[in-house]
Amino acid sequence: MFAGSLGVSPKTVEAWENGRNKPEGASRRLLEIVRDDPDFLRRFQIEG
């Protein structure tokens, strides 16, 4: 779900977690925002 919230694939997040790749651009900025405000994504989640 986290990958979908960021608009990337689960494999991309896995690569970041394992140090194979580093997030760049908009993904990096969004991760910084989430780091500083862990509830950020939850506030914008659409209830189904």
PDB file of N, CA and C in Angstrom:
ATOM      1  N   MET A   1       0.827  -1.198   0.000  1.00  0.00           N
ATOM      2  CA  MET A   1       0.000   0.000   0.000  1.00  0.00           C
ATOM      3  C   MET A   1       0.870   1.261   0.000  1.00  0.00           C
ATOM      4  N   PHE A   2       1.994   1.180   0.733  1.00  0.00           N
ATOM      5  CA  PHE A   2       2.870   2.351   0.804  1.00  0.00           C
ATOM      6  C   PHE A   2       3.390   2.724  -0.584  1.00  0.00           C
ATOM      7  N   ALA A   3       3.812   1.734  -1.347  1.00  0.00           N
ATOM      8  CA  ALA A   3       4.312   2.005  -2.705  1.00  0.00           C
ATOM      9  C   ALA A   3       3.231   2.670  -3.550  1.00  0.00           C
ATOM     10  N   GLY A   4       2.011   2.167  -3.456  1.00  0.00           N
ATOM     11  CA  GLY A   4       0.905   2.763  -4.204  1.00  0.00           C
ATOM     12  C   GLY A   4       0.639   4.194  -3.793  1.00  0.00           C
ATOM     13  N   SER A   5       0.792   4.486  -2.511  1.00  0.00           N
ATOM     14  CA  SER A   5       0.600   5.860  -2.024  1.00  0.00           C
ATOM     15  C   SER A   5       1.638   6.802  -2.615  1.00  0.00           C
ATOM     16  N   LEU A   6       2.827   6.258  -2.883  1.00  0.00           N
ATOM     17  CA  LEU A   6       3.897   7.071  -3.465  1.00  0.00           C
ATOM     18  C   LEU A   6       3.861   7.080  -4.990  1.00  0.00           C
ATOM     19  N   GLY A   7       3.052   6.181  -5.561  1.00  0.00           N
ATOM     20  CA  GLY A   7       2.971   6.112  -7.013  1.00  0.00           C
ATOM     21  C   GLY A   7       4.142   5.371  -7.642  1.00  0.00           C
ATOM     22  N   VAL A   8       4.723   4.437  -6.887  1.00  0.00           N
ATOM     23  CA  VAL A   8       5.829   3.630  -7.407  1.00  0.00           C
ATOM     24  C   VAL A   8       5.502   2.157  -7.175  1.00  0.00           C
ATOM     25  N   SER A   9       6.287   1.290  -7.766  1.00  0.00           N
ATOM     26  CA  SER A   9       6.046  -0.145  -7.609  1.00  0.00           C
ATOM     27  C   SER A   9       6.621  -0.643  -6.280  1.00  0.00           C
ATOM     28  N   PRO A  10       6.087  -1.752  -5.786  1.00  0.00           N
ATOM     29  CA  PRO A  10       6.664  -2.353  -4.580  1.00  0.00           C
ATOM     30  C   PRO A  10       8.140  -2.725  -4.764  1.00  0.00           C
ATOM     31  N   LYS A  11       8.517  -3.119  -5.972  1.00  0.00           N
ATOM     32  CA  LYS A  11       9.926  -3.446  -6.254  1.00  0.00           C
ATOM     33  C   LYS A  11      10.819  -2.217  -6.085  1.00  0.00           C
ATOM     34  N   THR A  12      10.309  -1.041  -6.443  1.00  0.00           N
ATOM     35  CA  THR A  12      11.070   0.189  -6.280  1.00  0.00           C
ATOM     36  C   THR A  12      11.316   0.469  -4.803  1.00  0.00           C
ATOM     37  N   VAL A  13      10.279   0.337  -3.990  1.00  0.00           N
ATOM     38  CA  VAL A  13      10.430   0.557  -2.547  1.00  0.00           C
ATOM     39  C   VAL A  13      11.398  -0.473  -1.968  1.00  0.00           C
ATOM     40  N   GLU A  14      11.291  -1.708  -2.417  1.00  0.00           N
ATOM     41  CA  GLU A  14      12.208  -2.752  -1.959  1.00  0.00           C
ATOM     42  C   GLU A  14      13.656  -2.398  -2.286  1.00  0.00           C
ATOM     43  N   ALA A  15      13.887  -1.871  -3.476  1.00  0.00           N
ATOM     44  CA  ALA A  15      15.239  -1.473  -3.872  1.00  0.00           C
ATOM     45  C   ALA A  15      15.751  -0.334  -2.990  1.00  0.00           C
ATOM     46  N   TRP A  16      14.883   0.617  -2.648  1.00  0.00           N
ATOM     47  CA  TRP A  16      15.285   1.700  -1.737  1.00  0.00           C
ATOM     48  C   TRP A  16      15.657   1.134  -0.380  1.00  0.00           C
ATOM     49  N   GLU A  17      14.813   0.223   0.121  1.00  0.00           N
ATOM     50  CA  GLU A  17      15.039  -0.351   1.452  1.00  0.00           C
ATOM     51  C   GLU A  17      16.336  -1.157   1.509  1.00  0.00           C
ATOM     52  N   ASN A  18      16.675  -1.804   0.409  1.00  0.00           N
ATOM     53  CA  ASN A  18      17.881  -2.637   0.369  1.00  0.00           C
ATOM     54  C   ASN A  18      19.117  -1.872  -0.080  1.00  0.00           C
ATOM     55  N   GLY A  19      18.972  -0.578  -0.351  1.00  0.00           N
ATOM     56  CA  GLY A  19      20.109   0.254  -0.730  1.00  0.00           C
ATOM     57  C   GLY A  19      20.580   0.081  -2.160  1.00  0.00           C
ATOM     58  N   ARG A  20      19.788  -0.610  -2.999  1.00  0.00           N
ATOM     59  CA  ARG A  20      20.183  -0.781  -4.400  1.00  0.00           C
ATOM     60  C   ARG A  20      19.944   0.490  -5.208  1.00  0.00           C
ATOM     61  N   ASN A  21      18.941   1.241  -4.839  1.00  0.00           N
ATOM     62  CA  ASN A  21      18.611   2.512  -5.498  1.00  0.00           C
ATOM     63  C   ASN A  21      18.292   3.531  -4.427  1.00  0.00           C
ATOM     64  N   LYS A  22      18.292   4.798  -4.822  1.00  0.00           N
ATOM     65  CA  LYS A  22      17.896   5.874  -3.922  1.00  0.00           C
ATOM     66  C   LYS A  22      16.743   6.633  -4.560  1.00  0.00           C
ATOM     67  N   PRO A  23      15.758   7.016  -3.753  1.00  0.00           N
ATOM     68  CA  PRO A  23      14.654   7.794  -4.316  1.00  0.00           C
ATOM     69  C   PRO A  23      15.151   9.150  -4.806  1.00  0.00           C
ATOM     70  N   GLU A  24      14.556   9.615  -5.895  1.00  0.00           N
ATOM     71  CA  GLU A  24      14.933  10.905  -6.470  1.00  0.00           C
ATOM     72  C   GLU A  24      13.685  11.710  -6.792  1.00  0.00           C
ATOM     73  N   GLY A  25      13.881  12.975  -7.014  1.00  0.00           N
ATOM     74  CA  GLY A  25      12.807  13.849  -7.469  1.00  0.00           C
ATOM     75  C   GLY A  25      11.625  13.896  -6.530  1.00  0.00           C
ATOM     76  N   ALA A  26      10.432  13.776  -7.107  1.00  0.00           N
ATOM     77  CA  ALA A  26       9.189  13.902  -6.344  1.00  0.00           C
ATOM     78  C   ALA A  26       9.059  12.815  -5.281  1.00  0.00           C
ATOM     79  N   SER A  27       9.518  11.598  -5.592  1.00  0.00           N
ATOM     80  CA  SER A  27       9.444  10.521  -4.601  1.00  0.00           C
ATOM     81  C   SER A  27      10.291  10.847  -3.378  1.00  0.00           C
ATOM     82  N   ARG A  28      11.468  11.366  -3.616  1.00  0.00           N
ATOM     83  CA  ARG A  28      12.343  11.740  -2.499  1.00  0.00           C
ATOM     84  C   ARG A  28      11.711  12.819  -1.643  1.00  0.00           C
ATOM     85  N   ARG A  29      11.127  13.809  -2.286  1.00  0.00           N
ATOM     86  CA  ARG A  29      10.489  14.901  -1.541  1.00  0.00           C
ATOM     87  C   ARG A  29       9.298  14.392  -0.734  1.00  0.00           C
ATOM     88  N   LEU A  30       8.490  13.533  -1.337  1.00  0.00           N
ATOM     89  CA  LEU A  30       7.338  12.987  -0.620  1.00  0.00           C
ATOM     90  C   LEU A  30       7.788  12.149   0.573  1.00  0.00           C
ATOM     91  N   LEU A  31       8.858  11.379   0.422  1.00  0.00           N
ATOM     92  CA  LEU A  31       9.384  10.604   1.546  1.00  0.00           C
ATOM     93  C   LEU A  31       9.876  11.518   2.669  1.00  0.00           C
ATOM     94  N   GLU A  32      10.465  12.655   2.312  1.00  0.00           N
ATOM     95  CA  GLU A  32      10.893  13.622   3.331  1.00  0.00           C
ATOM     96  C   GLU A  32       9.686  14.172   4.092  1.00  0.00           C
ATOM     97  N   ILE A  33       8.617  14.459   3.363  1.00  0.00           N
ATOM     98  CA  ILE A  33       7.399  14.981   3.993  1.00  0.00           C
ATOM     99  C   ILE A  33       6.821  13.934   4.943  1.00  0.00           C
ATOM    100  N   VAL A  34       6.760  12.675   4.488  1.00  0.00           N
ATOM    101  CA  VAL A  34       6.220  11.599   5.324  1.00  0.00           C
ATOM    102  C   VAL A  34       7.114  11.370   6.545  1.00  0.00           C
ATOM    103  N   ARG A  35       8.406  11.475   6.361  1.00  0.00           N
ATOM    104  CA  ARG A  35       9.330  11.335   7.494  1.00  0.00           C
ATOM    105  C   ARG A  35       9.037  12.386   8.559  1.00  0.00           C
ATOM    106  N   ASP A  36       8.811  13.611   8.122  1.00  0.00           N
ATOM    107  CA  ASP A  36       8.565  14.718   9.051  1.00  0.00           C
ATOM    108  C   ASP A  36       7.134  14.739   9.587  1.00  0.00           C
ATOM    109  N   ASP A  37       6.205  14.139   8.847  1.00  0.00           N
ATOM    110  CA  ASP A  37       4.789  14.125   9.234  1.00  0.00           C
ATOM    111  C   ASP A  37       4.203  12.757   8.894  1.00  0.00           C
ATOM    112  N   PRO A  38       4.409  11.754   9.774  1.00  0.00           N
ATOM    113  CA  PRO A  38       3.988  10.384   9.470  1.00  0.00           C
ATOM    114  C   PRO A  38       2.499  10.225   9.145  1.00  0.00           C
ATOM    115  N   ASP A  39       1.651  11.131   9.566  1.00  0.00           N
ATOM    116  CA  ASP A  39       0.219  11.033   9.272  1.00  0.00           C
ATOM    117  C   ASP A  39      -0.167  11.676   7.938  1.00  0.00           C
ATOM    118  N   PHE A  40       0.780  12.222   7.228  1.00  0.00           N
ATOM    119  CA  PHE A  40       0.510  12.945   5.984  1.00  0.00           C
ATOM    120  C   PHE A  40      -0.310  12.107   4.996  1.00  0.00           C
ATOM    121  N   LEU A  41       0.151  10.900   4.678  1.00  0.00           N
ATOM    122  CA  LEU A  41      -0.560  10.072   3.695  1.00  0.00           C
ATOM    123  C   LEU A  41      -1.929   9.657   4.198  1.00  0.00           C
ATOM    124  N   ARG A  42      -2.050   9.374   5.480  1.00  0.00           N
ATOM    125  CA  ARG A  42      -3.335   8.948   6.039  1.00  0.00           C
ATOM    126  C   ARG A  42      -4.381  10.072   5.908  1.00  0.00           C
ATOM    127  N   ARG A  43      -3.977  11.300   6.073  1.00  0.00           N
ATOM    128  CA  ARG A  43      -4.922  12.408   5.972  1.00  0.00           C
ATOM    129  C   ARG A  43      -5.516  12.546   4.573  1.00  0.00           C
ATOM    130  N   PHE A  44      -4.770  12.106   3.573  1.00  0.00           N
ATOM    131  CA  PHE A  44      -5.226  12.250   2.189  1.00  0.00           C
ATOM    132  C   PHE A  44      -5.745  10.950   1.594  1.00  0.00           C
ATOM    133  N   GLN A  45      -5.802   9.905   2.412  1.00  0.00           N
ATOM    134  CA  GLN A  45      -6.303   8.609   1.940  1.00  0.00           C
ATOM    135  C   GLN A  45      -7.799   8.702   1.696  1.00  0.00           C
ATOM    136  N   ILE A  46      -8.225   8.159   0.570  1.00  0.00           N
ATOM    137  CA  ILE A  46      -9.650   8.175   0.215  1.00  0.00           C
ATOM    138  C   ILE A  46     -10.278   6.894   0.739  1.00  0.00           C
ATOM    139  N   GLU A  47     -11.332   7.040   1.475  1.00  0.00           N
ATOM    140  CA  GLU A  47     -12.049   5.871   2.000  1.00  0.00           C
ATOM    141  C   GLU A  47     -12.839   5.223   0.875  1.00  0.00           C
ATOM    142  N   GLY A  48     -12.785   3.882   0.770  1.00  0.00           N
ATOM    143  CA  GLY A  48     -13.448   3.151  -0.311  1.00  0.00           C
ATOM    144  C   GLY A  48     -14.779   2.724   0.013  1.00  0.00           C
TER     145      GLY A  48
END
